[in-house]
C-alpha atoms as a PDB file:
ATOM      1  CA  UNK A   1       0.000   0.000   0.000  1.00  0.00           C
ATOM      2  CA  UNK A   2       1.324   3.423  -0.970  1.00  0.00           C
ATOM      3  CA  UNK A   3       1.528   5.985   1.755  1.00  0.00           C
ATOM      4  CA  UNK A   4       1.787   9.663   1.062  1.00  0.00           C
ATOM      5  CA  UNK A   5       0.247  12.786   2.459  1.00  0.00           C
ATOM      6  CA  UNK A   6      -1.747  14.599  -0.213  1.00  0.00           C
ATOM      7  CA  UNK A   7      -2.322  17.644   1.989  1.00  0.00           C
ATOM      8  CA  UNK A   8       0.678  18.009   4.314  1.00  0.00           C
ATOM      9  CA  UNK A   9       0.063  19.913   7.523  1.00  0.00           C
ATOM     10  CA  UNK A  10       1.756  23.269   7.486  1.00  0.00           C
ATOM     11  CA  UNK A  11       1.162  26.759   8.725  1.00  0.00           C
ATOM     12  CA  UNK A  12      -0.970  28.835   6.383  1.00  0.00           C
ATOM     13  CA  UNK A  13       1.000  31.493   4.531  1.00  0.00           C
ATOM     14  CA  UNK A  14      -0.217  34.994   5.072  1.00  0.00           C
ATOM     15  CA  UNK A  15      -0.186  37.238   2.015  1.00  0.00           C
ATOM     16  CA  UNK A  16      -2.524  40.047   3.089  1.00  0.00           C
ATOM     17  CA  UNK A  17      -0.222  41.656   5.607  1.00  0.00           C
ATOM     18  CA  UNK A  18      -1.072  45.271   4.795  1.00  0.00           C
ATOM     19  CA  UNK A  19      -3.031  46.589   7.766  1.00  0.00           C
ATOM     20  CA  UNK A  20      -1.581  50.087   8.069  1.00  0.00           C
ATOM     21  CA  UNK A  21      -2.040  52.882   5.567  1.00  0.00           C
ATOM     22  CA  UNK A  22       1.593  53.935   6.044  1.00  0.00           C
ATOM     23  CA  UNK A  23       2.864  50.511   4.855  1.00  0.00           C
ATOM     24  CA  UNK A  24       1.822  51.087   1.229  1.00  0.00           C
ATOM     25  CA  UNK A  25       5.075  51.538  -0.669  1.00  0.00           C
ATOM     26  CA  UNK A  26       3.908  51.553  -4.294  1.00  0.00           C
ATOM     27  CA  UNK A  27       1.189  54.120  -4.978  1.00  0.00           C
ATOM     28  CA  UNK A  28      -0.773  55.132  -8.070  1.00  0.00           C
ATOM     29  CA  UNK A  29      -1.903  58.660  -8.959  1.00  0.00           C
ATOM     30  CA  UNK A  30      -5.200  59.375  -7.113  1.00  0.00           C
ATOM     31  CA  UNK A  31      -6.532  61.451 -10.021  1.00  0.00           C
ATOM     32  CA  UNK A  32      -5.984  58.725 -12.640  1.00  0.00           C
ATOM     33  CA  UNK A  33      -8.231  55.878 -13.775  1.00  0.00           C
ATOM     34  CA  UNK A  34      -5.870  52.939 -13.483  1.00  0.00           C
ATOM     35  CA  UNK A  35      -5.674  49.565 -11.797  1.00  0.00           C
ATOM     36  CA  UNK A  36      -4.394  49.859  -8.229  1.00  0.00           C
ATOM     37  CA  UNK A  37      -0.858  48.813  -7.362  1.00  0.00           C
ATOM     38  CA  UNK A  38      -0.395  45.453  -5.616  1.00  0.00           C
ATOM     39  CA  UNK A  39       0.203  47.195  -2.268  1.00  0.00           C
ATOM     40  CA  UNK A  40      -2.916  49.372  -2.598  1.00  0.00           C
ATOM     41  CA  UNK A  41      -4.976  46.387  -3.695  1.00  0.00           C
ATOM     42  CA  UNK A  42      -3.914  44.242  -0.726  1.00  0.00           C
ATOM     43  CA  UNK A  43      -4.504  47.101   1.709  1.00  0.00           C
ATOM     44  CA  UNK A  44      -8.005  47.812   0.359  1.00  0.00           C
ATOM     45  CA  UNK A  45      -9.017  44.120   0.302  1.00  0.00           C
ATOM     46  CA  UNK A  46      -7.651  43.514   3.796  1.00  0.00           C
ATOM     47  CA  UNK A  47      -9.011  46.606   5.564  1.00  0.00           C
ATOM     48  CA  UNK A  48     -11.882  47.927   3.352  1.00  0.00           C
ATOM     49  CA  UNK A  49     -10.280  51.377   3.703  1.00  0.00           C
ATOM     50  CA  UNK A  50      -9.143  53.986   1.185  1.00  0.00           C
ATOM     51  CA  UNK A  51      -5.514  53.470   0.127  1.00  0.00           C
ATOM     52  CA  UNK A  52      -5.106  57.249  -0.345  1.00  0.00           C
ATOM     53  CA  UNK A  53      -6.069  58.506   3.130  1.00  0.00           C
ATOM     54  CA  UNK A  54      -6.933  55.452   5.277  1.00  0.00           C
ATOM     55  CA  UNK A  55     -10.625  56.259   5.922  1.00  0.00           C
ATOM     56  CA  UNK A  56     -13.429  53.706   5.556  1.00  0.00           C
ATOM     57  CA  UNK A  57     -15.095  53.168   2.173  1.00  0.00           C
ATOM     58  CA  UNK A  58     -18.765  53.767   1.424  1.00  0.00           C
ATOM     59  CA  UNK A  59     -20.588  51.180  -0.708  1.00  0.00           C
ATOM     60  CA  UNK A  60     -22.134  52.449  -3.922  1.00  0.00           C
ATOM     61  CA  UNK A  61     -24.014  50.931  -6.853  1.00  0.00           C
ATOM     62  CA  UNK A  62     -23.210  47.364  -7.816  1.00  0.00           C
ATOM     63  CA  UNK A  63     -23.878  45.022 -10.703  1.00  0.00           C
ATOM     64  CA  UNK A  64     -22.709  41.482 -11.343  1.00  0.00           C
ATOM     65  CA  UNK A  65     -19.630  40.917  -9.221  1.00  0.00           C
ATOM     66  CA  UNK A  66     -18.529  44.573  -9.364  1.00  0.00           C
ATOM     67  CA  UNK A  67     -19.125  47.243  -6.718  1.00  0.00           C
ATOM     68  CA  UNK A  68     -18.453  50.985  -6.682  1.00  0.00           C
ATOM     69  CA  UNK A  69     -16.892  52.335  -3.486  1.00  0.00           C
ATOM     70  CA  UNK A  70     -15.961  55.866  -2.411  1.00  0.00           C
ATOM     71  CA  UNK A  71     -13.863  57.192   0.427  1.00  0.00           C
ATOM     72  CA  UNK A  72     -15.909  58.469   3.385  1.00  0.00           C
ATOM     73  CA  UNK A  73     -13.556  61.474   3.616  1.00  0.00           C
ATOM     74  CA  UNK A  74     -15.150  64.166   1.419  1.00  0.00           C
ATOM     75  CA  UNK A  75     -11.824  65.982   0.941  1.00  0.00           C
ATOM     76  CA  UNK A  76     -10.259  62.791  -0.460  1.00  0.00           C
ATOM     77  CA  UNK A  77     -13.263  61.809  -2.671  1.00  0.00           C
ATOM     78  CA  UNK A  78     -11.456  58.838  -4.271  1.00  0.00           C
ATOM     79  CA  UNK A  79     -13.732  56.339  -5.993  1.00  0.00           C
ATOM     80  CA  UNK A  80     -12.953  52.703  -6.743  1.00  0.00           C
ATOM     81  CA  UNK A  81     -14.646  49.933  -8.686  1.00  0.00           C
ATOM     82  CA  UNK A  82     -14.125  46.190  -8.570  1.00  0.00           C
ATOM     83  CA  UNK A  83     -14.646  43.007  -6.636  1.00  0.00           C
ATOM     84  CA  UNK A  84     -12.952  42.623  -3.268  1.00  0.00           C
ATOM     85  CA  UNK A  85     -13.780  38.893  -3.261  1.00  0.00           C
ATOM     86  CA  UNK A  86     -11.788  38.363  -6.459  1.00  0.00           C
ATOM     87  CA  UNK A  87      -9.071  40.870  -5.527  1.00  0.00           C
ATOM     88  CA  UNK A  88      -9.691  42.931  -8.659  1.00  0.00           C
ATOM     89  CA  UNK A  89      -9.970  46.680  -8.091  1.00  0.00           C
ATOM     90  CA  UNK A  90      -9.418  49.779 -10.165  1.00  0.00           C
ATOM     91  CA  UNK A  91      -9.447  53.468  -9.486  1.00  0.00           C
ATOM     92  CA  UNK A  92     -12.232  55.705 -10.844  1.00  0.00           C
ATOM     93  CA  UNK A  93     -10.315  58.851  -9.897  1.00  0.00           C
ATOM     94  CA  UNK A  94     -11.587  61.772  -7.833  1.00  0.00           C
ATOM     95  CA  UNK A  95     -15.333  62.310  -8.021  1.00  0.00           C
ATOM     96  CA  UNK A  96     -17.265  65.555  -8.098  1.00  0.00           C
ATOM     97  CA  UNK A  97     -19.279  66.836  -5.145  1.00  0.00           C
ATOM     98  CA  UNK A  98     -22.490  66.340  -7.161  1.00  0.00           C
ATOM     99  CA  UNK A  99     -21.747  62.663  -7.889  1.00  0.00           C
ATOM    100  CA  UNK A 100     -20.672  62.130  -4.287  1.00  0.00           C
ATOM    101  CA  UNK A 101     -23.963  63.585  -3.033  1.00  0.00           C
ATOM    102  CA  UNK A 102     -26.132  61.755  -5.608  1.00  0.00           C
ATOM    103  CA  UNK A 103     -24.555  58.303  -5.442  1.00  0.00           C
ATOM    104  CA  UNK A 104     -23.292  58.081  -1.884  1.00  0.00           C
ATOM    105  CA  UNK A 105     -25.735  60.436  -0.116  1.00  0.00           C
ATOM    106  CA  UNK A 106     -23.058  62.553   1.530  1.00  0.00           C
ATOM    107  CA  UNK A 107     -22.482  66.320   1.479  1.00  0.00           C
END
């Protein structure tokens, strides 16, 4: 009889180690519409906070597996789109006060 361990016991490896806003080394331009850097992506997925200022994100409209999110800090006003569950997120840039008020109900 063959004996081998298909699933060896080992400690789980931790990849999402970004818990502090200050730990983000690689940053993208907050005014651009680009995919987030790996550091920003891990930070946002791990903490559900804005990678630009560290404040919590507000949920916005969603469709399919994608969700819009905006920073709760009105001065920051960064908006993101993507799926945290799949680890895919992109930046929508800075949003106007009118869009912020209409979509996220904040003034």
